[in-house]
PDB file of N, CA and C in Angstrom:
ATOM      1  N   MET A   1     -53.911 -13.278  26.473  1.00  0.00           N
ATOM      2  CA  MET A   1     -53.659 -14.114  25.254  1.00  0.00           C
ATOM      3  C   MET A   1     -52.102 -14.274  25.175  1.00  0.00           C
ATOM      4  N   GLY A   2     -51.600 -15.195  25.781  1.00  0.00           N
ATOM      5  CA  GLY A   2     -50.185 -15.490  25.647  1.00  0.00           C
ATOM      6  C   GLY A   2     -49.950 -16.569  24.669  1.00  0.00           C
ATOM      7  N   GLN A   3     -48.764 -16.880  24.398  1.00  0.00           N
ATOM      8  CA  GLN A   3     -48.447 -17.930  23.453  1.00  0.00           C
ATOM      9  C   GLN A   3     -48.213 -19.243  24.214  1.00  0.00           C
ATOM     10  N   ALA A   4     -48.709 -20.210  23.663  1.00  0.00           N
ATOM     11  CA  ALA A   4     -48.548 -21.559  24.251  1.00  0.00           C
ATOM     12  C   ALA A   4     -47.250 -22.126  23.852  1.00  0.00           C
ATOM     13  N   GLY A   5     -46.629 -22.832  24.701  1.00  0.00           N
ATOM     14  CA  GLY A   5     -45.352 -23.530  24.347  1.00  0.00           C
ATOM     15  C   GLY A   5     -44.142 -22.608  24.435  1.00  0.00           C
ATOM     16  N   GLY A   6     -42.953 -23.221  24.366  1.00  0.00           N
ATOM     17  CA  GLY A   6     -41.740 -22.443  24.481  1.00  0.00           C
ATOM     18  C   GLY A   6     -41.414 -21.850  23.060  1.00  0.00           C
ATOM     19  N   GLY A   7     -41.180 -20.633  22.917  1.00  0.00           N
ATOM     20  CA  GLY A   7     -40.942 -20.035  21.611  1.00  0.00           C
ATOM     21  C   GLY A   7     -39.455 -19.658  21.533  1.00  0.00           C
ATOM     22  N   GLY A   8     -38.550 -20.269  22.265  1.00  0.00           N
ATOM     23  CA  GLY A   8     -37.110 -19.879  22.160  1.00  0.00           C
ATOM     24  C   GLY A   8     -36.401 -20.557  21.050  1.00  0.00           C
ATOM     25  N   ALA A   9     -35.210 -20.153  20.827  1.00  0.00           N
ATOM     26  CA  ALA A   9     -34.371 -20.698  19.765  1.00  0.00           C
ATOM     27  C   ALA A   9     -33.912 -22.093  20.160  1.00  0.00           C
ATOM     28  N   PRO A  10     -33.683 -22.943  19.252  1.00  0.00           N
ATOM     29  CA  PRO A  10     -33.140 -24.289  19.518  1.00  0.00           C
ATOM     30  C   PRO A  10     -31.813 -24.115  20.270  1.00  0.00           C
ATOM     31  N   LYS A  11     -31.539 -25.140  21.140  1.00  0.00           N
ATOM     32  CA  LYS A  11     -30.349 -25.082  21.973  1.00  0.00           C
ATOM     33  C   LYS A  11     -29.060 -25.059  21.194  1.00  0.00           C
ATOM     34  N   GLY A  12     -29.015 -25.841  20.100  1.00  0.00           N
ATOM     35  CA  GLY A  12     -27.756 -25.924  19.313  1.00  0.00           C
ATOM     36  C   GLY A  12     -27.542 -24.750  18.312  1.00  0.00           C
ATOM     37  N   GLY A  13     -28.467 -23.794  18.250  1.00  0.00           N
ATOM     38  CA  GLY A  13     -28.412 -22.757  17.289  1.00  0.00           C
ATOM     39  C   GLY A  13     -27.192 -21.780  17.448  1.00  0.00           C
ATOM     40  N   ASP A  14     -26.865 -21.523  18.662  1.00  0.00           N
ATOM     41  CA  ASP A  14     -25.784 -20.604  18.931  1.00  0.00           C
ATOM     42  C   ASP A  14     -24.427 -21.249  18.539  1.00  0.00           C
ATOM     43  N   MET A  15     -24.303 -22.527  18.768  1.00  0.00           N
ATOM     44  CA  MET A  15     -23.059 -23.224  18.500  1.00  0.00           C
ATOM     45  C   MET A  15     -22.901 -23.301  16.978  1.00  0.00           C
ATOM     46  N   GLN A  16     -24.005 -23.563  16.293  1.00  0.00           N
ATOM     47  CA  GLN A  16     -23.879 -23.671  14.778  1.00  0.00           C
ATOM     48  C   GLN A  16     -23.513 -22.276  14.210  1.00  0.00           C
ATOM     49  N   PHE A  17     -24.023 -21.219  14.806  1.00  0.00           N
ATOM     50  CA  PHE A  17     -23.696 -19.865  14.271  1.00  0.00           C
ATOM     51  C   PHE A  17     -22.233 -19.614  14.464  1.00  0.00           C
ATOM     52  N   ILE A  18     -21.680 -19.948  15.630  1.00  0.00           N
ATOM     53  CA  ILE A  18     -20.200 -19.783  15.896  1.00  0.00           C
ATOM     54  C   ILE A  18     -19.388 -20.560  14.923  1.00  0.00           C
ATOM     55  N   ILE A  19     -19.766 -21.764  14.685  1.00  0.00           N
ATOM     56  CA  ILE A  19     -19.043 -22.680  13.796  1.00  0.00           C
ATOM     57  C   ILE A  19     -19.065 -22.104  12.356  1.00  0.00           C
ATOM     58  N   MET A  20     -20.171 -21.588  11.927  1.00  0.00           N
ATOM     59  CA  MET A  20     -20.346 -21.075  10.582  1.00  0.00           C
ATOM     60  C   MET A  20     -19.487 -19.794  10.449  1.00  0.00           C
ATOM     61  N   MET A  21     -19.425 -18.964  11.459  1.00  0.00           N
ATOM     62  CA  MET A  21     -18.598 -17.771  11.419  1.00  0.00           C
ATOM     63  C   MET A  21     -17.124 -18.129  11.331  1.00  0.00           C
ATOM     64  N   ILE A  22     -16.672 -19.195  12.056  1.00  0.00           N
ATOM     65  CA  ILE A  22     -15.315 -19.649  11.955  1.00  0.00           C
ATOM     66  C   ILE A  22     -14.953 -20.142  10.572  1.00  0.00           C
ATOM     67  N   VAL A  23     -15.990 -20.896  10.024  1.00  0.00           N
ATOM     68  CA  VAL A  23     -15.739 -21.441   8.653  1.00  0.00           C
ATOM     69  C   VAL A  23     -15.636 -20.305   7.641  1.00  0.00           C
ATOM     70  N   ILE A  24     -16.493 -19.277   7.727  1.00  0.00           N
ATOM     71  CA  ILE A  24     -16.442 -18.165   6.811  1.00  0.00           C
ATOM     72  C   ILE A  24     -15.134 -17.400   6.968  1.00  0.00           C
ATOM     73  N   PHE A  25     -14.641 -17.160   8.132  1.00  0.00           N
ATOM     74  CA  PHE A  25     -13.404 -16.430   8.367  1.00  0.00           C
ATOM     75  C   PHE A  25     -12.285 -17.282   7.739  1.00  0.00           C
ATOM     76  N   ALA A  26     -12.283 -18.596   7.934  1.00  0.00           N
ATOM     77  CA  ALA A  26     -11.270 -19.453   7.358  1.00  0.00           C
ATOM     78  C   ALA A  26     -11.205 -19.333   5.802  1.00  0.00           C
ATOM     79  N   ILE A  27     -12.429 -19.335   5.217  1.00  0.00           N
ATOM     80  CA  ILE A  27     -12.489 -19.182   3.761  1.00  0.00           C
ATOM     81  C   ILE A  27     -11.883 -17.889   3.310  1.00  0.00           C
ATOM     82  N   PHE A  28     -12.328 -16.800   4.062  1.00  0.00           N
ATOM     83  CA  PHE A  28     -11.751 -15.490   3.672  1.00  0.00           C
ATOM     84  C   PHE A  28     -10.266 -15.457   3.833  1.00  0.00           C
ATOM     85  N   TYR A  29      -9.741 -16.097   4.863  1.00  0.00           N
ATOM     86  CA  TYR A  29      -8.284 -16.104   5.089  1.00  0.00           C
ATOM     87  C   TYR A  29      -7.606 -16.787   3.940  1.00  0.00           C
ATOM     88  N   PHE A  30      -8.020 -18.008   3.555  1.00  0.00           N
ATOM     89  CA  PHE A  30      -7.328 -18.766   2.550  1.00  0.00           C
ATOM     90  C   PHE A  30      -7.492 -18.252   1.097  1.00  0.00           C
ATOM     91  N   LEU A  31      -8.634 -17.591   0.867  1.00  0.00           N
ATOM     92  CA  LEU A  31      -8.904 -17.076  -0.499  1.00  0.00           C
ATOM     93  C   LEU A  31      -8.512 -15.650  -0.745  1.00  0.00           C
ATOM     94  N   LEU A  32      -8.479 -14.801   0.337  1.00  0.00           N
ATOM     95  CA  LEU A  32      -8.195 -13.407   0.132  1.00  0.00           C
ATOM     96  C   LEU A  32      -6.914 -12.923   0.845  1.00  0.00           C
ATOM     97  N   ILE A  33      -6.769 -13.157   2.134  1.00  0.00           N
ATOM     98  CA  ILE A  33      -5.726 -12.570   2.965  1.00  0.00           C
ATOM     99  C   ILE A  33      -4.414 -13.248   2.668  1.00  0.00           C
ATOM    100  N   ARG A  34      -4.386 -14.601   2.672  1.00  0.00           N
ATOM    101  CA  ARG A  34      -3.093 -15.280   2.521  1.00  0.00           C
ATOM    102  C   ARG A  34      -2.454 -15.031   1.131  1.00  0.00           C
ATOM    103  N   PRO A  35      -3.235 -15.150   0.014  1.00  0.00           N
ATOM    104  CA  PRO A  35      -2.559 -14.835  -1.307  1.00  0.00           C
ATOM    105  C   PRO A  35      -2.086 -13.412  -1.360  1.00  0.00           C
ATOM    106  N   GLN A  36      -2.798 -12.468  -0.807  1.00  0.00           N
ATOM    107  CA  GLN A  36      -2.380 -11.048  -0.833  1.00  0.00           C
ATOM    108  C   GLN A  36      -1.060 -10.871  -0.102  1.00  0.00           C
ATOM    109  N   LYS A  37      -0.847 -11.529   1.120  1.00  0.00           N
ATOM    110  CA  LYS A  37       0.387 -11.408   1.783  1.00  0.00           C
ATOM    111  C   LYS A  37       1.507 -12.027   1.078  1.00  0.00           C
ATOM    112  N   LYS A  38       1.316 -13.160   0.333  1.00  0.00           N
ATOM    113  CA  LYS A  38       2.342 -13.800  -0.462  1.00  0.00           C
ATOM    114  C   LYS A  38       2.723 -12.811  -1.668  1.00  0.00           C
ATOM    115  N   LYS A  39       1.743 -12.220  -2.210  1.00  0.00           N
ATOM    116  CA  LYS A  39       2.023 -11.328  -3.328  1.00  0.00           C
ATOM    117  C   LYS A  39       2.864 -10.100  -2.909  1.00  0.00           C
ATOM    118  N   GLN A  40       2.530  -9.566  -1.767  1.00  0.00           N
ATOM    119  CA  GLN A  40       3.282  -8.424  -1.189  1.00  0.00           C
ATOM    120  C   GLN A  40       4.713  -8.864  -0.858  1.00  0.00           C
ATOM    121  N   GLN A  41       4.843 -10.050  -0.337  1.00  0.00           N
ATOM    122  CA  GLN A  41       6.217 -10.576   0.002  1.00  0.00           C
ATOM    123  C   GLN A  41       7.041 -10.743  -1.268  1.00  0.00           C
ATOM    124  N   ASP A  42       6.471 -11.337  -2.323  1.00  0.00           N
ATOM    125  CA  ASP A  42       7.177 -11.480  -3.598  1.00  0.00           C
ATOM    126  C   ASP A  42       7.560 -10.150  -4.181  1.00  0.00           C
ATOM    127  N   LEU A  43       6.697  -9.167  -4.136  1.00  0.00           N
ATOM    128  CA  LEU A  43       6.975  -7.780  -4.638  1.00  0.00           C
ATOM    129  C   LEU A  43       8.093  -7.178  -3.870  1.00  0.00           C
ATOM    130  N   ARG A  44       8.108  -7.344  -2.525  1.00  0.00           N
ATOM    131  CA  ARG A  44       9.170  -6.818  -1.718  1.00  0.00           C
ATOM    132  C   ARG A  44      10.515  -7.407  -2.025  1.00  0.00           C
ATOM    133  N   LYS A  45      10.519  -8.749  -2.325  1.00  0.00           N
ATOM    134  CA  LYS A  45      11.771  -9.469  -2.678  1.00  0.00           C
ATOM    135  C   LYS A  45      12.283  -8.897  -3.975  1.00  0.00           C
ATOM    136  N   MET A  46      11.379  -8.730  -4.991  1.00  0.00           N
ATOM    137  CA  MET A  46      11.741  -8.235  -6.338  1.00  0.00           C
ATOM    138  C   MET A  46      12.352  -6.833  -6.181  1.00  0.00           C
ATOM    139  N   ILE A  47      11.742  -5.942  -5.380  1.00  0.00           N
ATOM    140  CA  ILE A  47      12.254  -4.579  -5.237  1.00  0.00           C
ATOM    141  C   ILE A  47      13.631  -4.586  -4.570  1.00  0.00           C
ATOM    142  N   GLU A  48      13.847  -5.448  -3.584  1.00  0.00           N
ATOM    143  CA  GLU A  48      15.140  -5.496  -2.890  1.00  0.00           C
ATOM    144  C   GLU A  48      16.252  -6.065  -3.840  1.00  0.00           C
ATOM    145  N   SER A  49      15.828  -6.891  -4.823  1.00  0.00           N
ATOM    146  CA  SER A  49      16.883  -7.495  -5.688  1.00  0.00           C
ATOM    147  C   SER A  49      17.164  -6.703  -6.984  1.00  0.00           C
ATOM    148  N   LEU A  50      16.658  -5.487  -7.099  1.00  0.00           N
ATOM    149  CA  LEU A  50      16.878  -4.647  -8.259  1.00  0.00           C
ATOM    150  C   LEU A  50      18.380  -4.309  -8.330  1.00  0.00           C
ATOM    151  N   LYS A  51      18.895  -4.334  -9.575  1.00  0.00           N
ATOM    152  CA  LYS A  51      20.316  -3.891  -9.745  1.00  0.00           C
ATOM    153  C   LYS A  51      20.502  -3.199 -11.125  1.00  0.00           C
ATOM    154  N   HIS A  52      21.646  -2.576 -11.271  1.00  0.00           N
ATOM    155  CA  HIS A  52      21.926  -1.839 -12.532  1.00  0.00           C
ATOM    156  C   HIS A  52      21.815  -2.815 -13.727  1.00  0.00           C
ATOM    157  N   GLY A  53      21.173  -2.318 -14.813  1.00  0.00           N
ATOM    158  CA  GLY A  53      21.044  -3.039 -16.026  1.00  0.00           C
ATOM    159  C   GLY A  53      19.713  -3.835 -16.104  1.00  0.00           C
ATOM    160  N   ASP A  54      18.976  -3.973 -15.070  1.00  0.00           N
ATOM    161  CA  ASP A  54      17.646  -4.702 -15.135  1.00  0.00           C
ATOM    162  C   ASP A  54      16.731  -3.873 -16.009  1.00  0.00           C
ATOM    163  N   MET A  55      15.951  -4.545 -16.814  1.00  0.00           N
ATOM    164  CA  MET A  55      14.895  -3.960 -17.596  1.00  0.00           C
ATOM    165  C   MET A  55      13.631  -4.076 -16.786  1.00  0.00           C
ATOM    166  N   VAL A  56      12.920  -2.929 -16.582  1.00  0.00           N
ATOM    167  CA  VAL A  56      11.770  -2.910 -15.639  1.00  0.00           C
ATOM    168  C   VAL A  56      10.611  -2.254 -16.267  1.00  0.00           C
ATOM    169  N   ILE A  57       9.455  -2.403 -15.700  1.00  0.00           N
ATOM    170  CA  ILE A  57       8.218  -1.664 -16.001  1.00  0.00           C
ATOM    171  C   ILE A  57       7.718  -1.033 -14.772  1.00  0.00           C
ATOM    172  N   THR A  58       7.412   0.258 -14.757  1.00  0.00           N
ATOM    173  CA  THR A  58       6.850   0.892 -13.632  1.00  0.00           C
ATOM    174  C   THR A  58       5.391   0.592 -13.509  1.00  0.00           C
ATOM    175  N   THR A  59       4.831   0.945 -12.377  1.00  0.00           N
ATOM    176  CA  THR A  59       3.391   0.726 -12.191  1.00  0.00           C
ATOM    177  C   THR A  59       2.594   1.642 -13.121  1.00  0.00           C
ATOM    178  N   GLY A  60       3.204   2.678 -13.630  1.00  0.00           N
ATOM    179  CA  GLY A  60       2.525   3.597 -14.639  1.00  0.00           C
ATOM    180  C   GLY A  60       2.758   3.098 -16.078  1.00  0.00           C
ATOM    181  N   GLY A  61       3.403   1.954 -16.275  1.00  0.00           N
ATOM    182  CA  GLY A  61       3.601   1.424 -17.577  1.00  0.00           C
ATOM    183  C   GLY A  61       4.783   1.847 -18.361  1.00  0.00           C
ATOM    184  N   VAL A  62       5.693   2.568 -17.764  1.00  0.00           N
ATOM    185  CA  VAL A  62       6.947   3.023 -18.433  1.00  0.00           C
ATOM    186  C   VAL A  62       7.993   1.909 -18.381  1.00  0.00           C
ATOM    187  N   HIS A  63       8.523   1.608 -19.602  1.00  0.00           N
ATOM    188  CA  HIS A  63       9.502   0.599 -19.764  1.00  0.00           C
ATOM    189  C   HIS A  63      10.907   1.308 -19.730  1.00  0.00           C
ATOM    190  N   GLY A  64      11.919   0.605 -19.131  1.00  0.00           N
ATOM    191  CA  GLY A  64      13.266   1.190 -19.183  1.00  0.00           C
ATOM    192  C   GLY A  64      14.275   0.334 -18.533  1.00  0.00           C
ATOM    193  N   LYS A  65      15.503   0.826 -18.570  1.00  0.00           N
ATOM    194  CA  LYS A  65      16.705   0.077 -18.009  1.00  0.00           C
ATOM    195  C   LYS A  65      17.203   0.825 -16.814  1.00  0.00           C
ATOM    196  N   ILE A  66      17.455   0.147 -15.696  1.00  0.00           N
ATOM    197  CA  ILE A  66      17.920   0.771 -14.475  1.00  0.00           C
ATOM    198  C   ILE A  66      19.388   1.217 -14.692  1.00  0.00           C
ATOM    199  N   THR A  67      19.619   2.521 -14.434  1.00  0.00           N
ATOM    200  CA  THR A  67      20.963   3.022 -14.560  1.00  0.00           C
ATOM    201  C   THR A  67      21.475   3.585 -13.218  1.00  0.00           C
ATOM    202  N   GLY A  68      20.631   3.681 -12.225  1.00  0.00           N
ATOM    203  CA  GLY A  68      21.062   4.153 -10.960  1.00  0.00           C
ATOM    204  C   GLY A  68      20.122   3.730  -9.903  1.00  0.00           C
ATOM    205  N   LEU A  69      20.646   3.450  -8.598  1.00  0.00           N
ATOM    206  CA  LEU A  69      19.878   3.005  -7.541  1.00  0.00           C
ATOM    207  C   LEU A  69      20.284   3.735  -6.243  1.00  0.00           C
ATOM    208  N   THR A  70      19.390   4.164  -5.473  1.00  0.00           N
ATOM    209  CA  THR A  70      19.586   4.556  -4.106  1.00  0.00           C
ATOM    210  C   THR A  70      18.668   3.863  -3.236  1.00  0.00           C
ATOM    211  N   GLU A  71      18.661   4.156  -1.910  1.00  0.00           N
ATOM    212  CA  GLU A  71      17.798   3.459  -1.042  1.00  0.00           C
ATOM    213  C   GLU A  71      16.382   3.547  -1.417  1.00  0.00           C
ATOM    214  N   ASN A  72      15.895   4.633  -1.891  1.00  0.00           N
ATOM    215  CA  ASN A  72      14.483   4.858  -2.198  1.00  0.00           C
ATOM    216  C   ASN A  72      14.116   5.246  -3.567  1.00  0.00           C
ATOM    217  N   VAL A  73      15.132   5.547  -4.386  1.00  0.00           N
ATOM    218  CA  VAL A  73      14.934   6.075  -5.776  1.00  0.00           C
ATOM    219  C   VAL A  73      15.651   5.209  -6.781  1.00  0.00           C
ATOM    220  N   VAL A  74      14.976   4.926  -7.905  1.00  0.00           N
ATOM    221  CA  VAL A  74      15.542   4.156  -9.054  1.00  0.00           C
ATOM    222  C   VAL A  74      15.622   5.098 -10.201  1.00  0.00           C
ATOM    223  N   THR A  75      16.768   5.190 -10.913  1.00  0.00           N
ATOM    224  CA  THR A  75      16.865   5.990 -12.104  1.00  0.00           C
ATOM    225  C   THR A  75      16.784   5.045 -13.286  1.00  0.00           C
ATOM    226  N   ILE A  76      15.834   5.327 -14.149  1.00  0.00           N
ATOM    227  CA  ILE A  76      15.581   4.522 -15.265  1.00  0.00           C
ATOM    228  C   ILE A  76      15.845   5.241 -16.615  1.00  0.00           C
ATOM    229  N   GLU A  77      16.541   4.575 -17.511  1.00  0.00           N
ATOM    230  CA  GLU A  77      16.751   5.211 -18.855  1.00  0.00           C
ATOM    231  C   GLU A  77      15.664   4.656 -19.759  1.00  0.00           C
ATOM    232  N   ILE A  78      14.796   5.617 -20.219  1.00  0.00           N
ATOM    233  CA  ILE A  78      13.706   5.157 -21.078  1.00  0.00           C
ATOM    234  C   ILE A  78      13.910   5.376 -22.557  1.00  0.00           C
ATOM    235  N   ALA A  79      14.898   6.150 -22.879  1.00  0.00           N
ATOM    236  CA  ALA A  79      15.386   6.316 -24.311  1.00  0.00           C
ATOM    237  C   ALA A  79      16.787   6.839 -24.199  1.00  0.00           C
ATOM    238  N   ASP A  80      17.416   6.978 -25.377  1.00  0.00           N
ATOM    239  CA  ASP A  80      18.840   7.471 -25.387  1.00  0.00           C
ATOM    240  C   ASP A  80      18.933   8.799 -24.693  1.00  0.00           C
ATOM    241  N   LYS A  81      19.691   8.865 -23.661  1.00  0.00           N
ATOM    242  CA  LYS A  81      19.945  10.081 -22.909  1.00  0.00           C
ATOM    243  C   LYS A  81      18.725  10.709 -22.236  1.00  0.00           C
ATOM    244  N   VAL A  82      17.672   9.906 -22.015  1.00  0.00           N
ATOM    245  CA  VAL A  82      16.490  10.316 -21.325  1.00  0.00           C
ATOM    246  C   VAL A  82      16.308   9.407 -20.104  1.00  0.00           C
ATOM    247  N   LYS A  83      16.434  10.024 -18.933  1.00  0.00           N
ATOM    248  CA  LYS A  83      16.358   9.260 -17.669  1.00  0.00           C
ATOM    249  C   LYS A  83      15.314   9.885 -16.774  1.00  0.00           C
ATOM    250  N   ILE A  84      14.649   9.054 -16.091  1.00  0.00           N
ATOM    251  CA  ILE A  84      13.620   9.462 -15.088  1.00  0.00           C
ATOM    252  C   ILE A  84      13.995   8.818 -13.781  1.00  0.00           C
ATOM    253  N   LYS A  85      13.497   9.475 -12.671  1.00  0.00           N
ATOM    254  CA  LYS A  85      13.649   8.895 -11.330  1.00  0.00           C
ATOM    255  C   LYS A  85      12.324   8.514 -10.805  1.00  0.00           C
ATOM    256  N   VAL A  86      12.195   7.303 -10.237  1.00  0.00           N
ATOM    257  CA  VAL A  86      10.963   6.854  -9.678  1.00  0.00           C
ATOM    258  C   VAL A  86      11.283   6.251  -8.307  1.00  0.00           C
ATOM    259  N   SER A  87      10.278   6.192  -7.481  1.00  0.00           N
ATOM    260  CA  SER A  87      10.455   5.507  -6.174  1.00  0.00           C
ATOM    261  C   SER A  87      10.475   4.018  -6.408  1.00  0.00           C
ATOM    262  N   ARG A  88      11.307   3.329  -5.560  1.00  0.00           N
ATOM    263  CA  ARG A  88      11.380   1.889  -5.692  1.00  0.00           C
ATOM    264  C   ARG A  88      10.016   1.203  -5.653  1.00  0.00           C
ATOM    265  N   GLY A  89       9.168   1.725  -4.859  1.00  0.00           N
ATOM    266  CA  GLY A  89       7.816   1.154  -4.706  1.00  0.00           C
ATOM    267  C   GLY A  89       6.959   1.206  -5.889  1.00  0.00           C
ATOM    268  N   HIS A  90       7.376   2.005  -6.926  1.00  0.00           N
ATOM    269  CA  HIS A  90       6.592   2.105  -8.155  1.00  0.00           C
ATOM    270  C   HIS A  90       7.220   1.247  -9.288  1.00  0.00           C
ATOM    271  N   ILE A  91       8.059   0.395  -8.971  1.00  0.00           N
ATOM    272  CA  ILE A  91       8.581  -0.539  -9.944  1.00  0.00           C
ATOM    273  C   ILE A  91       7.584  -1.759  -9.937  1.00  0.00           C
ATOM    274  N   GLY A  92       6.903  -1.966 -11.060  1.00  0.00           N
ATOM    275  CA  GLY A  92       5.863  -3.063 -11.135  1.00  0.00           C
ATOM    276  C   GLY A  92       6.385  -4.397 -11.351  1.00  0.00           C
ATOM    277  N   ALA A  93       7.411  -4.503 -12.300  1.00  0.00           N
ATOM    278  CA  ALA A  93       7.928  -5.844 -12.606  1.00  0.00           C
ATOM    279  C   ALA A  93       9.319  -5.689 -13.272  1.00  0.00           C
ATOM    280  N   VAL A  94      10.066  -6.777 -13.168  1.00  0.00           N
ATOM    281  CA  VAL A  94      11.371  -6.832 -13.852  1.00  0.00           C
ATOM    282  C   VAL A  94      11.137  -7.715 -15.092  1.00  0.00           C
ATOM    283  N   ILE A  95      11.355  -7.115 -16.214  1.00  0.00           N
ATOM    284  CA  ILE A  95      11.183  -7.829 -17.541  1.00  0.00           C
ATOM    285  C   ILE A  95      12.351  -8.767 -17.797  1.00  0.00           C
ATOM    286  N   GLN A  96      13.591  -8.199 -17.585  1.00  0.00           N
ATOM    287  CA  GLN A  96      14.748  -8.998 -17.923  1.00  0.00           C
ATOM    288  C   GLN A  96      15.852  -8.598 -16.881  1.00  0.00           C
ATOM    289  N   LYS A  97      16.419  -9.543 -16.290  1.00  0.00           N
ATOM    290  CA  LYS A  97      17.502  -9.344 -15.308  1.00  0.00           C
ATOM    291  C   LYS A  97      18.800  -8.977 -16.054  1.00  0.00           C
ATOM    292  N   ALA A  98      19.628  -8.129 -15.397  1.00  0.00           N
ATOM    293  CA  ALA A  98      20.902  -7.706 -16.008  1.00  0.00           C
ATOM    294  C   ALA A  98      21.780  -9.022 -16.175  1.00  0.00           C
ATOM    295  N   GLU A  99      22.525  -9.057 -17.268  1.00  0.00           N
ATOM    296  CA  GLU A  99      23.394 -10.160 -17.477  1.00  0.00           C
ATOM    297  C   GLU A  99      24.600 -10.078 -16.601  1.00  0.00           C
ATOM    298  N   GLU A 100      24.963 -11.168 -16.015  1.00  0.00           N
ATOM    299  CA  GLU A 100      26.143 -11.210 -15.130  1.00  0.00           C
ATOM    300  C   GLU A 100      27.414 -11.220 -16.067  1.00  0.00           C
ATOM    301  N   THR A 101      28.346 -10.240 -15.760  1.00  0.00           N
ATOM    302  CA  THR A 101      29.541 -10.176 -16.525  1.00  0.00           C
ATOM    303  C   THR A 101      30.717 -10.886 -15.924  1.00  0.00           C
ATOM    304  N   GLU A 102      30.476 -11.554 -14.848  1.00  0.00           N
ATOM    305  CA  GLU A 102      31.524 -12.301 -14.189  1.00  0.00           C
ATOM    306  C   GLU A 102      31.676 -13.671 -14.697  1.00  0.00           C
TER     307      GLU A 102
END
């Protein structure tokens, strides 16, 4: 008792599958990967442009004014005579840039 007729997949099925996989990858790239890379690049630029006097927010939500900078550490004054040190990577946003005195 065998089956009558050819029971194989249609000839164009493999090509359609490959095309659909390419389309799905393109959608993921443009909706997820590309915007994330741009966000990381913008964050890197912001961290590199930090300077004395900038008002910042850390990723932990602490607000303060930058009083010291090294290659990896930022010193932030959060109240009168109260300073904390955080890694540059934990600066979440610059609220207000330091005013140019020149």
